[in-house]
Amino acid sequence: MLASTRRWALLHELREAPEPTLSELISRLERCDLVLVEGFKHEPIAKLEVHRAANGTPTLYPDDARIIALCTDAAPTAALPTFRLDDYAGVAAFIMAGLLSE
């Protein structure tokens, strides 16, 4: 268990059990307005791709139509919103604008 004065989290060992789906994991959360997910790149959810050019791998965009924005240290070439890796305020504003438009 991880605990602090503001929150706690309990880890669960899967042992030989299958990895739970994203949907199963989300169902364990309390009701909330936003869930940020890292990984699960094959899930049919809206995605903000984080890409470092130095890693030498291609972006998942444009092959994944669910990518709605890109955070990268490369020059912007995508036809979608693109942010610098350190533009936390811009990314947060983009996410909030998306939530408020729903």
PDB file of N, CA and C in Angstrom:
ATOM      1  N   MET A   1       0.850  -1.167   0.000  1.00  0.00           N
ATOM      2  CA  MET A   1       0.000   0.000   0.000  1.00  0.00           C
ATOM      3  C   MET A   1       0.898   1.234   0.000  1.00  0.00           C
ATOM      4  N   LEU A   2       0.506   2.229  -0.785  1.00  0.00           N
ATOM      5  CA  LEU A   2       1.155   3.531  -0.770  1.00  0.00           C
ATOM      6  C   LEU A   2       0.196   4.491  -0.091  1.00  0.00           C
ATOM      7  N   ALA A   3       0.701   5.315   0.824  1.00  0.00           N
ATOM      8  CA  ALA A   3      -0.189   6.237   1.539  1.00  0.00           C
ATOM      9  C   ALA A   3       0.509   7.557   1.804  1.00  0.00           C
ATOM     10  N   SER A   4      -0.276   8.618   1.788  1.00  0.00           N
ATOM     11  CA  SER A   4       0.204   9.951   2.149  1.00  0.00           C
ATOM     12  C   SER A   4      -0.924  10.667   2.859  1.00  0.00           C
ATOM     13  N   THR A   5      -0.706  11.919   3.203  1.00  0.00           N
ATOM     14  CA  THR A   5      -1.750  12.674   3.895  1.00  0.00           C
ATOM     15  C   THR A   5      -2.929  13.004   2.996  1.00  0.00           C
ATOM     16  N   ARG A   6      -2.748  12.868   1.660  1.00  0.00           N
ATOM     17  CA  ARG A   6      -3.812  13.238   0.712  1.00  0.00           C
ATOM     18  C   ARG A   6      -4.452  12.048  -0.003  1.00  0.00           C
ATOM     19  N   ARG A   7      -3.808  10.890  -0.040  1.00  0.00           N
ATOM     20  CA  ARG A   7      -4.379   9.768  -0.796  1.00  0.00           C
ATOM     21  C   ARG A   7      -3.692   8.458  -0.404  1.00  0.00           C
ATOM     22  N   TRP A   8      -4.302   7.365  -0.829  1.00  0.00           N
ATOM     23  CA  TRP A   8      -3.667   6.062  -0.672  1.00  0.00           C
ATOM     24  C   TRP A   8      -3.964   5.219  -1.898  1.00  0.00           C
ATOM     25  N   ALA A   9      -3.124   4.249  -2.154  1.00  0.00           N
ATOM     26  CA  ALA A   9      -3.318   3.335  -3.291  1.00  0.00           C
ATOM     27  C   ALA A   9      -2.928   1.931  -2.857  1.00  0.00           C
ATOM     28  N   LEU A  10      -3.704   0.973  -3.281  1.00  0.00           N
ATOM     29  CA  LEU A  10      -3.442  -0.422  -2.965  1.00  0.00           C
ATOM     30  C   LEU A  10      -3.079  -1.136  -4.252  1.00  0.00           C
ATOM     31  N   LEU A  11      -1.945  -1.801  -4.272  1.00  0.00           N
ATOM     32  CA  LEU A  11      -1.511  -2.561  -5.447  1.00  0.00           C
ATOM     33  C   LEU A  11      -2.050  -3.980  -5.357  1.00  0.00           C
ATOM     34  N   HIS A  12      -2.302  -4.561  -6.507  1.00  0.00           N
ATOM     35  CA  HIS A  12      -2.855  -5.912  -6.556  1.00  0.00           C
ATOM     36  C   HIS A  12      -1.952  -6.781  -7.421  1.00  0.00           C
ATOM     37  N   GLU A  13      -1.492  -7.903  -6.911  1.00  0.00           N
ATOM     38  CA  GLU A  13      -0.675  -8.846  -7.668  1.00  0.00           C
ATOM     39  C   GLU A  13      -1.581  -9.755  -8.496  1.00  0.00           C
ATOM     40  N   LEU A  14      -1.278  -9.879  -9.780  1.00  0.00           N
ATOM     41  CA  LEU A  14      -2.098 -10.726 -10.640  1.00  0.00           C
ATOM     42  C   LEU A  14      -1.748 -12.206 -10.497  1.00  0.00           C
ATOM     43  N   ARG A  15      -0.523 -12.468 -10.108  1.00  0.00           N
ATOM     44  CA  ARG A  15      -0.005 -13.831 -10.063  1.00  0.00           C
ATOM     45  C   ARG A  15      -0.211 -14.466 -11.441  1.00  0.00           C
ATOM     46  N   GLU A  16      -0.992 -15.479 -11.570  1.00  0.00           N
ATOM     47  CA  GLU A  16      -1.201 -16.134 -12.871  1.00  0.00           C
ATOM     48  C   GLU A  16      -2.485 -15.680 -13.554  1.00  0.00           C
ATOM     49  N   ALA A  17      -3.219 -14.769 -12.932  1.00  0.00           N
ATOM     50  CA  ALA A  17      -4.479 -14.294 -13.511  1.00  0.00           C
ATOM     51  C   ALA A  17      -4.190 -13.443 -14.750  1.00  0.00           C
ATOM     52  N   PRO A  18      -5.108 -13.416 -15.695  1.00  0.00           N
ATOM     53  CA  PRO A  18      -4.895 -12.591 -16.886  1.00  0.00           C
ATOM     54  C   PRO A  18      -4.913 -11.103 -16.547  1.00  0.00           C
ATOM     55  N   GLU A  19      -4.204 -10.321 -17.343  1.00  0.00           N
ATOM     56  CA  GLU A  19      -4.180  -8.879 -17.148  1.00  0.00           C
ATOM     57  C   GLU A  19      -5.585  -8.327 -17.368  1.00  0.00           C
ATOM     58  N   PRO A  20      -6.073  -7.482 -16.464  1.00  0.00           N
ATOM     59  CA  PRO A  20      -7.415  -6.923 -16.654  1.00  0.00           C
ATOM     60  C   PRO A  20      -7.448  -5.948 -17.836  1.00  0.00           C
ATOM     61  N   THR A  21      -8.605  -5.833 -18.434  1.00  0.00           N
ATOM     62  CA  THR A  21      -8.774  -4.885 -19.534  1.00  0.00           C
ATOM     63  C   THR A  21      -8.849  -3.471 -18.965  1.00  0.00           C
ATOM     64  N   LEU A  22      -8.690  -2.504 -19.842  1.00  0.00           N
ATOM     65  CA  LEU A  22      -8.815  -1.111 -19.412  1.00  0.00           C
ATOM     66  C   LEU A  22     -10.203  -0.874 -18.823  1.00  0.00           C
ATOM     67  N   SER A  23     -11.215  -1.404 -19.451  1.00  0.00           N
ATOM     68  CA  SER A  23     -12.585  -1.241 -18.971  1.00  0.00           C
ATOM     69  C   SER A  23     -12.750  -1.816 -17.563  1.00  0.00           C
ATOM     70  N   GLU A  24     -12.161  -2.971 -17.311  1.00  0.00           N
ATOM     71  CA  GLU A  24     -12.239  -3.579 -15.976  1.00  0.00           C
ATOM     72  C   GLU A  24     -11.519  -2.720 -14.935  1.00  0.00           C
ATOM     73  N   LEU A  25     -10.375  -2.168 -15.309  1.00  0.00           N
ATOM     74  CA  LEU A  25      -9.629  -1.324 -14.379  1.00  0.00           C
ATOM     75  C   LEU A  25     -10.401  -0.042 -14.057  1.00  0.00           C
ATOM     76  N   ILE A  26     -10.969   0.581 -15.083  1.00  0.00           N
ATOM     77  CA  ILE A  26     -11.718   1.820 -14.878  1.00  0.00           C
ATOM     78  C   ILE A  26     -12.944   1.579 -14.006  1.00  0.00           C
ATOM     79  N   SER A  27     -13.549   0.402 -14.132  1.00  0.00           N
ATOM     80  CA  SER A  27     -14.741   0.103 -13.326  1.00  0.00           C
ATOM     81  C   SER A  27     -14.423   0.066 -11.834  1.00  0.00           C
ATOM     82  N   ARG A  28     -13.159  -0.052 -11.465  1.00  0.00           N
ATOM     83  CA  ARG A  28     -12.762  -0.078 -10.057  1.00  0.00           C
ATOM     84  C   ARG A  28     -12.563   1.323  -9.474  1.00  0.00           C
ATOM     85  N   LEU A  29     -12.573   2.339 -10.319  1.00  0.00           N
ATOM     86  CA  LEU A  29     -12.368   3.710  -9.856  1.00  0.00           C
ATOM     87  C   LEU A  29     -13.656   4.291  -9.286  1.00  0.00           C
ATOM     88  N   GLU A  30     -13.494   5.255  -8.418  1.00  0.00           N
ATOM     89  CA  GLU A  30     -14.637   6.056  -7.981  1.00  0.00           C
ATOM     90  C   GLU A  30     -15.084   6.887  -9.169  1.00  0.00           C
ATOM     91  N   ARG A  31     -16.309   7.376  -9.130  1.00  0.00           N
ATOM     92  CA  ARG A  31     -16.814   8.235 -10.207  1.00  0.00           C
ATOM     93  C   ARG A  31     -15.903   9.454 -10.331  1.00  0.00           C
ATOM     94  N   CYS A  32     -15.514   9.789 -11.569  1.00  0.00           N
ATOM     95  CA  CYS A  32     -14.652  10.938 -11.801  1.00  0.00           C
ATOM     96  C   CYS A  32     -14.907  11.494 -13.202  1.00  0.00           C
ATOM     97  N   ASP A  33     -14.406  12.679 -13.472  1.00  0.00           N
ATOM     98  CA  ASP A  33     -14.628  13.342 -14.754  1.00  0.00           C
ATOM     99  C   ASP A  33     -13.583  12.995 -15.800  1.00  0.00           C
ATOM    100  N   LEU A  34     -12.396  12.589 -15.373  1.00  0.00           N
ATOM    101  CA  LEU A  34     -11.294  12.377 -16.309  1.00  0.00           C
ATOM    102  C   LEU A  34     -10.401  11.261 -15.810  1.00  0.00           C
ATOM    103  N   VAL A  35     -10.038  10.355 -16.705  1.00  0.00           N
ATOM    104  CA  VAL A  35      -9.065   9.312 -16.408  1.00  0.00           C
ATOM    105  C   VAL A  35      -7.963   9.439 -17.449  1.00  0.00           C
ATOM    106  N   LEU A  36      -6.731   9.665 -17.010  1.00  0.00           N
ATOM    107  CA  LEU A  36      -5.582   9.699 -17.913  1.00  0.00           C
ATOM    108  C   LEU A  36      -4.944   8.318 -17.885  1.00  0.00           C
ATOM    109  N   VAL A  37      -4.730   7.747 -19.046  1.00  0.00           N
ATOM    110  CA  VAL A  37      -4.244   6.378 -19.165  1.00  0.00           C
ATOM    111  C   VAL A  37      -2.904   6.387 -19.889  1.00  0.00           C
ATOM    112  N   GLU A  38      -1.934   5.675 -19.359  1.00  0.00           N
ATOM    113  CA  GLU A  38      -0.661   5.492 -20.039  1.00  0.00           C
ATOM    114  C   GLU A  38      -0.603   4.032 -20.479  1.00  0.00           C
ATOM    115  N   GLY A  39      -0.226   3.830 -21.734  1.00  0.00           N
ATOM    116  CA  GLY A  39      -0.225   2.475 -22.263  1.00  0.00           C
ATOM    117  C   GLY A  39      -1.546   2.201 -22.976  1.00  0.00           C
ATOM    118  N   PHE A  40      -1.931   0.956 -23.076  1.00  0.00           N
ATOM    119  CA  PHE A  40      -3.199   0.565 -23.700  1.00  0.00           C
ATOM    120  C   PHE A  40      -3.359   1.194 -25.088  1.00  0.00           C
ATOM    121  N   LYS A  41      -2.273   1.242 -25.857  1.00  0.00           N
ATOM    122  CA  LYS A  41      -2.300   1.942 -27.147  1.00  0.00           C
ATOM    123  C   LYS A  41      -3.242   1.315 -28.160  1.00  0.00           C
ATOM    124  N   HIS A  42      -3.676   0.086 -27.932  1.00  0.00           N
ATOM    125  CA  HIS A  42      -4.580  -0.561 -28.889  1.00  0.00           C
ATOM    126  C   HIS A  42      -6.050  -0.420 -28.496  1.00  0.00           C
ATOM    127  N   GLU A  43      -6.314   0.236 -27.376  1.00  0.00           N
ATOM    128  CA  GLU A  43      -7.697   0.454 -26.949  1.00  0.00           C
ATOM    129  C   GLU A  43      -8.360   1.517 -27.833  1.00  0.00           C
ATOM    130  N   PRO A  44      -9.650   1.404 -28.082  1.00  0.00           N
ATOM    131  CA  PRO A  44     -10.368   2.384 -28.922  1.00  0.00           C
ATOM    132  C   PRO A  44     -10.769   3.630 -28.127  1.00  0.00           C
ATOM    133  N   ILE A  45      -9.765   4.381 -27.674  1.00  0.00           N
ATOM    134  CA  ILE A  45      -9.990   5.593 -26.887  1.00  0.00           C
ATOM    135  C   ILE A  45      -9.228   6.755 -27.525  1.00  0.00           C
ATOM    136  N   ALA A  46      -9.652   7.979 -27.208  1.00  0.00           N
ATOM    137  CA  ALA A  46      -8.925   9.155 -27.691  1.00  0.00           C
ATOM    138  C   ALA A  46      -7.526   9.145 -27.077  1.00  0.00           C
ATOM    139  N   LYS A  47      -6.531   9.514 -27.901  1.00  0.00           N
ATOM    140  CA  LYS A  47      -5.144   9.433 -27.447  1.00  0.00           C
ATOM    141  C   LYS A  47      -4.386  10.719 -27.731  1.00  0.00           C
ATOM    142  N   LEU A  48      -3.487  11.041 -26.827  1.00  0.00           N
ATOM    143  CA  LEU A  48      -2.527  12.111 -27.010  1.00  0.00           C
ATOM    144  C   LEU A  48      -1.174  11.405 -27.079  1.00  0.00           C
ATOM    145  N   GLU A  49      -0.567  11.386 -28.258  1.00  0.00           N
ATOM    146  CA  GLU A  49       0.694  10.654 -28.437  1.00  0.00           C
ATOM    147  C   GLU A  49       1.869  11.489 -27.955  1.00  0.00           C
ATOM    148  N   VAL A  50       2.727  10.874 -27.153  1.00  0.00           N
ATOM    149  CA  VAL A  50       3.971  11.506 -26.712  1.00  0.00           C
ATOM    150  C   VAL A  50       5.099  10.814 -27.473  1.00  0.00           C
ATOM    151  N   HIS A  51       5.884  11.607 -28.221  1.00  0.00           N
ATOM    152  CA  HIS A  51       6.918  11.042 -29.087  1.00  0.00           C
ATOM    153  C   HIS A  51       8.225  11.798 -28.929  1.00  0.00           C
ATOM    154  N   ARG A  52       9.280  11.063 -28.669  1.00  0.00           N
ATOM    155  CA  ARG A  52      10.628  11.635 -28.606  1.00  0.00           C
ATOM    156  C   ARG A  52      11.383  11.200 -29.859  1.00  0.00           C
ATOM    157  N   ALA A  53      11.801  12.170 -30.649  1.00  0.00           N
ATOM    158  CA  ALA A  53      12.499  11.882 -31.896  1.00  0.00           C
ATOM    159  C   ALA A  53      13.781  11.083 -31.655  1.00  0.00           C
ATOM    160  N   ALA A  54      14.463  11.345 -30.548  1.00  0.00           N
ATOM    161  CA  ALA A  54      15.735  10.675 -30.254  1.00  0.00           C
ATOM    162  C   ALA A  54      15.585   9.166 -30.080  1.00  0.00           C
ATOM    163  N   ASN A  55      14.377   8.700 -29.807  1.00  0.00           N
ATOM    164  CA  ASN A  55      14.166   7.253 -29.660  1.00  0.00           C
ATOM    165  C   ASN A  55      14.257   6.523 -30.988  1.00  0.00           C
ATOM    166  N   GLY A  56      14.164   7.256 -32.096  1.00  0.00           N
ATOM    167  CA  GLY A  56      14.318   6.651 -33.411  1.00  0.00           C
ATOM    168  C   GLY A  56      13.139   5.820 -33.879  1.00  0.00           C
ATOM    169  N   THR A  57      12.004   5.954 -33.237  1.00  0.00           N
ATOM    170  CA  THR A  57      10.815   5.209 -33.657  1.00  0.00           C
ATOM    171  C   THR A  57       9.846   6.164 -34.337  1.00  0.00           C
ATOM    172  N   PRO A  58       9.061   5.665 -35.278  1.00  0.00           N
ATOM    173  CA  PRO A  58       8.085   6.544 -35.931  1.00  0.00           C
ATOM    174  C   PRO A  58       6.910   6.833 -34.997  1.00  0.00           C
ATOM    175  N   THR A  59       6.209   7.913 -35.286  1.00  0.00           N
ATOM    176  CA  THR A  59       4.995   8.203 -34.525  1.00  0.00           C
ATOM    177  C   THR A  59       3.913   7.188 -34.888  1.00  0.00           C
ATOM    178  N   LEU A  60       2.974   7.009 -33.996  1.00  0.00           N
ATOM    179  CA  LEU A  60       1.815   6.155 -34.279  1.00  0.00           C
ATOM    180  C   LEU A  60       0.833   6.897 -35.191  1.00  0.00           C
ATOM    181  N   TYR A  61       0.821   8.246 -35.068  1.00  0.00           N
ATOM    182  CA  TYR A  61       0.024   9.078 -35.963  1.00  0.00           C
ATOM    183  C   TYR A  61       0.719   9.134 -37.308  1.00  0.00           C
ATOM    184  N   PRO A  62       0.053   9.041 -38.429  1.00  0.00           N
ATOM    185  CA  PRO A  62      -1.387   9.080 -38.665  1.00  0.00           C
ATOM    186  C   PRO A  62      -2.034   7.700 -38.774  1.00  0.00           C
ATOM    187  N   ASP A  63      -1.287   6.633 -38.481  1.00  0.00           N
ATOM    188  CA  ASP A  63      -1.859   5.293 -38.627  1.00  0.00           C
ATOM    189  C   ASP A  63      -2.939   4.979 -37.602  1.00  0.00           C
ATOM    190  N   ASP A  64      -2.945   5.680 -36.469  1.00  0.00           N
ATOM    191  CA  ASP A  64      -3.977   5.493 -35.451  1.00  0.00           C
ATOM    192  C   ASP A  64      -4.905   6.701 -35.499  1.00  0.00           C
ATOM    193  N   ALA A  65      -6.098   6.511 -36.016  1.00  0.00           N
ATOM    194  CA  ALA A  65      -7.063   7.604 -36.189  1.00  0.00           C
ATOM    195  C   ALA A  65      -7.588   8.148 -34.866  1.00  0.00           C
ATOM    196  N   ARG A  66      -7.330   7.467 -33.759  1.00  0.00           N
ATOM    197  CA  ARG A  66      -7.816   7.941 -32.461  1.00  0.00           C
ATOM    198  C   ARG A  66      -6.846   8.901 -31.785  1.00  0.00           C
ATOM    199  N   ILE A  67      -5.703   9.162 -32.405  1.00  0.00           N
ATOM    200  CA  ILE A  67      -4.763  10.145 -31.862  1.00  0.00           C
ATOM    201  C   ILE A  67      -5.309  11.530 -32.187  1.00  0.00           C
ATOM    202  N   ILE A  68      -5.540  12.308 -31.129  1.00  0.00           N
ATOM    203  CA  ILE A  68      -6.163  13.624 -31.300  1.00  0.00           C
ATOM    204  C   ILE A  68      -5.170  14.768 -31.135  1.00  0.00           C
ATOM    205  N   ALA A  69      -3.968  14.484 -30.651  1.00  0.00           N
ATOM    206  CA  ALA A  69      -2.931  15.499 -30.487  1.00  0.00           C
ATOM    207  C   ALA A  69      -1.589  14.805 -30.336  1.00  0.00           C
ATOM    208  N   LEU A  70      -0.530  15.568 -30.538  1.00  0.00           N
ATOM    209  CA  LEU A  70       0.828  15.026 -30.485  1.00  0.00           C
ATOM    210  C   LEU A  70       1.691  15.925 -29.615  1.00  0.00           C
ATOM    211  N   CYS A  71       2.454  15.324 -28.696  1.00  0.00           N
ATOM    212  CA  CYS A  71       3.458  16.029 -27.897  1.00  0.00           C
ATOM    213  C   CYS A  71       4.801  15.499 -28.364  1.00  0.00           C
ATOM    214  N   THR A  72       5.686  16.384 -28.820  1.00  0.00           N
ATOM    215  CA  THR A  72       6.937  15.921 -29.397  1.00  0.00           C
ATOM    216  C   THR A  72       8.036  16.960 -29.270  1.00  0.00           C
ATOM    217  N   ASP A  73       9.280  16.490 -29.392  1.00  0.00           N
ATOM    218  CA  ASP A  73      10.425  17.386 -29.436  1.00  0.00           C
ATOM    219  C   ASP A  73      10.881  17.607 -30.880  1.00  0.00           C
ATOM    220  N   ALA A  74      10.146  17.031 -31.830  1.00  0.00           N
ATOM    221  CA  ALA A  74      10.452  17.209 -33.254  1.00  0.00           C
ATOM    222  C   ALA A  74       9.665  18.396 -33.800  1.00  0.00           C
ATOM    223  N   ALA A  75      10.064  18.853 -34.965  1.00  0.00           N
ATOM    224  CA  ALA A  75       9.345  19.949 -35.618  1.00  0.00           C
ATOM    225  C   ALA A  75       7.932  19.480 -35.958  1.00  0.00           C
ATOM    226  N   PRO A  76       6.929  20.311 -35.722  1.00  0.00           N
ATOM    227  CA  PRO A  76       5.539  19.913 -36.005  1.00  0.00           C
ATOM    228  C   PRO A  76       5.323  19.659 -37.495  1.00  0.00           C
ATOM    229  N   THR A  77       4.783  18.494 -37.809  1.00  0.00           N
ATOM    230  CA  THR A  77       4.429  18.162 -39.191  1.00  0.00           C
ATOM    231  C   THR A  77       3.036  17.560 -39.266  1.00  0.00           C
ATOM    232  N   ALA A  78       2.442  17.292 -38.123  1.00  0.00           N
ATOM    233  CA  ALA A  78       1.135  16.640 -38.076  1.00  0.00           C
ATOM    234  C   ALA A  78       0.020  17.645 -38.344  1.00  0.00           C
ATOM    235  N   ALA A  79      -1.054  17.139 -38.939  1.00  0.00           N
ATOM    236  CA  ALA A  79      -2.233  17.965 -39.206  1.00  0.00           C
ATOM    237  C   ALA A  79      -3.210  17.867 -38.036  1.00  0.00           C
ATOM    238  N   LEU A  80      -2.694  17.986 -36.834  1.00  0.00           N
ATOM    239  CA  LEU A  80      -3.509  17.970 -35.629  1.00  0.00           C
ATOM    240  C   LEU A  80      -2.783  18.794 -34.572  1.00  0.00           C
ATOM    241  N   PRO A  81      -3.420  19.133 -33.467  1.00  0.00           N
ATOM    242  CA  PRO A  81      -2.746  19.934 -32.446  1.00  0.00           C
ATOM    243  C   PRO A  81      -1.431  19.281 -32.016  1.00  0.00           C
ATOM    244  N   THR A  82      -0.370  20.083 -31.978  1.00  0.00           N
ATOM    245  CA  THR A  82       0.958  19.595 -31.611  1.00  0.00           C
ATOM    246  C   THR A  82       1.528  20.489 -30.521  1.00  0.00           C
ATOM    247  N   PHE A  83       2.103  19.850 -29.499  1.00  0.00           N
ATOM    248  CA  PHE A  83       2.649  20.562 -28.347  1.00  0.00           C
ATOM    249  C   PHE A  83       4.099  20.156 -28.121  1.00  0.00           C
ATOM    250  N   ARG A  84       4.888  21.073 -27.572  1.00  0.00           N
ATOM    251  CA  ARG A  84       6.232  20.727 -27.125  1.00  0.00           C
ATOM    252  C   ARG A  84       6.103  19.791 -25.921  1.00  0.00           C
ATOM    253  N   LEU A  85       7.116  18.993 -25.674  1.00  0.00           N
ATOM    254  CA  LEU A  85       7.066  18.067 -24.549  1.00  0.00           C
ATOM    255  C   LEU A  85       6.920  18.782 -23.209  1.00  0.00           C
ATOM    256  N   ASP A  86       7.398  20.018 -23.113  1.00  0.00           N
ATOM    257  CA  ASP A  86       7.323  20.746 -21.850  1.00  0.00           C
ATOM    258  C   ASP A  86       6.160  21.746 -21.788  1.00  0.00           C
ATOM    259  N   ASP A  87       5.238  21.672 -22.728  1.00  0.00           N
ATOM    260  CA  ASP A  87       4.100  22.597 -22.748  1.00  0.00           C
ATOM    261  C   ASP A  87       2.941  22.035 -21.933  1.00  0.00           C
ATOM    262  N   TYR A  88       3.163  21.909 -20.629  1.00  0.00           N
ATOM    263  CA  TYR A  88       2.152  21.321 -19.746  1.00  0.00           C
ATOM    264  C   TYR A  88       0.862  22.121 -19.735  1.00  0.00           C
ATOM    265  N   ALA A  89       0.988  23.446 -19.716  1.00  0.00           N
ATOM    266  CA  ALA A  89      -0.199  24.299 -19.677  1.00  0.00           C
ATOM    267  C   ALA A  89      -1.007  24.157 -20.961  1.00  0.00           C
ATOM    268  N   GLY A  90      -0.331  24.070 -22.106  1.00  0.00           N
ATOM    269  CA  GLY A  90      -1.026  23.906 -23.379  1.00  0.00           C
ATOM    270  C   GLY A  90      -1.756  22.581 -23.460  1.00  0.00           C
ATOM    271  N   VAL A  91      -1.100  21.528 -23.019  1.00  0.00           N
ATOM    272  CA  VAL A  91      -1.727  20.197 -23.028  1.00  0.00           C
ATOM    273  C   VAL A  91      -2.929  20.183 -22.085  1.00  0.00           C
ATOM    274  N   ALA A  92      -2.765  20.742 -20.887  1.00  0.00           N
ATOM    275  CA  ALA A  92      -3.872  20.777 -19.924  1.00  0.00           C
ATOM    276  C   ALA A  92      -5.048  21.575 -20.480  1.00  0.00           C
ATOM    277  N   ALA A  93      -4.767  22.711 -21.122  1.00  0.00           N
ATOM    278  CA  ALA A  93      -5.842  23.526 -21.708  1.00  0.00           C
ATOM    279  C   ALA A  93      -6.543  22.761 -22.824  1.00  0.00           C
ATOM    280  N   PHE A  94      -5.788  22.018 -23.629  1.00  0.00           N
ATOM    281  CA  PHE A  94      -6.367  21.214 -24.712  1.00  0.00           C
ATOM    282  C   PHE A  94      -7.294  20.141 -24.138  1.00  0.00           C
ATOM    283  N   ILE A  95      -6.839  19.459 -23.092  1.00  0.00           N
ATOM    284  CA  ILE A  95      -7.657  18.409 -22.463  1.00  0.00           C
ATOM    285  C   ILE A  95      -8.918  19.021 -21.860  1.00  0.00           C
ATOM    286  N   MET A  96      -8.778  20.134 -21.156  1.00  0.00           N
ATOM    287  CA  MET A  96      -9.935  20.773 -20.534  1.00  0.00           C
ATOM    288  C   MET A  96     -10.923  21.269 -21.579  1.00  0.00           C
ATOM    289  N   ALA A  97     -10.432  21.825 -22.687  1.00  0.00           N
ATOM    290  CA  ALA A  97     -11.327  22.278 -23.753  1.00  0.00           C
ATOM    291  C   ALA A  97     -12.121  21.104 -24.305  1.00  0.00           C
ATOM    292  N   GLY A  98     -11.496  19.953 -24.437  1.00  0.00           N
ATOM    293  CA  GLY A  98     -12.181  18.753 -24.914  1.00  0.00           C
ATOM    294  C   GLY A  98     -13.243  18.297 -23.935  1.00  0.00           C
ATOM    295  N   LEU A  99     -12.946  18.366 -22.646  1.00  0.00           N
ATOM    296  CA  LEU A  99     -13.929  17.973 -21.630  1.00  0.00           C
ATOM    297  C   LEU A  99     -15.121  18.916 -21.617  1.00  0.00           C
ATOM    298  N   LEU A 100     -14.844  20.198 -21.746  1.00  0.00           N
ATOM    299  CA  LEU A 100     -15.915  21.184 -21.686  1.00  0.00           C
ATOM    300  C   LEU A 100     -16.792  21.184 -22.928  1.00  0.00           C
ATOM    301  N   SER A 101     -16.274  20.663 -24.046  1.00  0.00           N
ATOM    302  CA  SER A 101     -17.065  20.635 -25.274  1.00  0.00           C
ATOM    303  C   SER A 101     -17.966  19.400 -25.362  1.00  0.00           C
ATOM    304  N   GLU A 102     -17.806  18.466 -24.441  1.00  0.00           N
ATOM    305  CA  GLU A 102     -18.625  17.234 -24.466  1.00  0.00           C
ATOM    306  C   GLU A 102     -19.980  17.463 -23.844  1.00  0.00           C
TER     307      GLU A 102
END
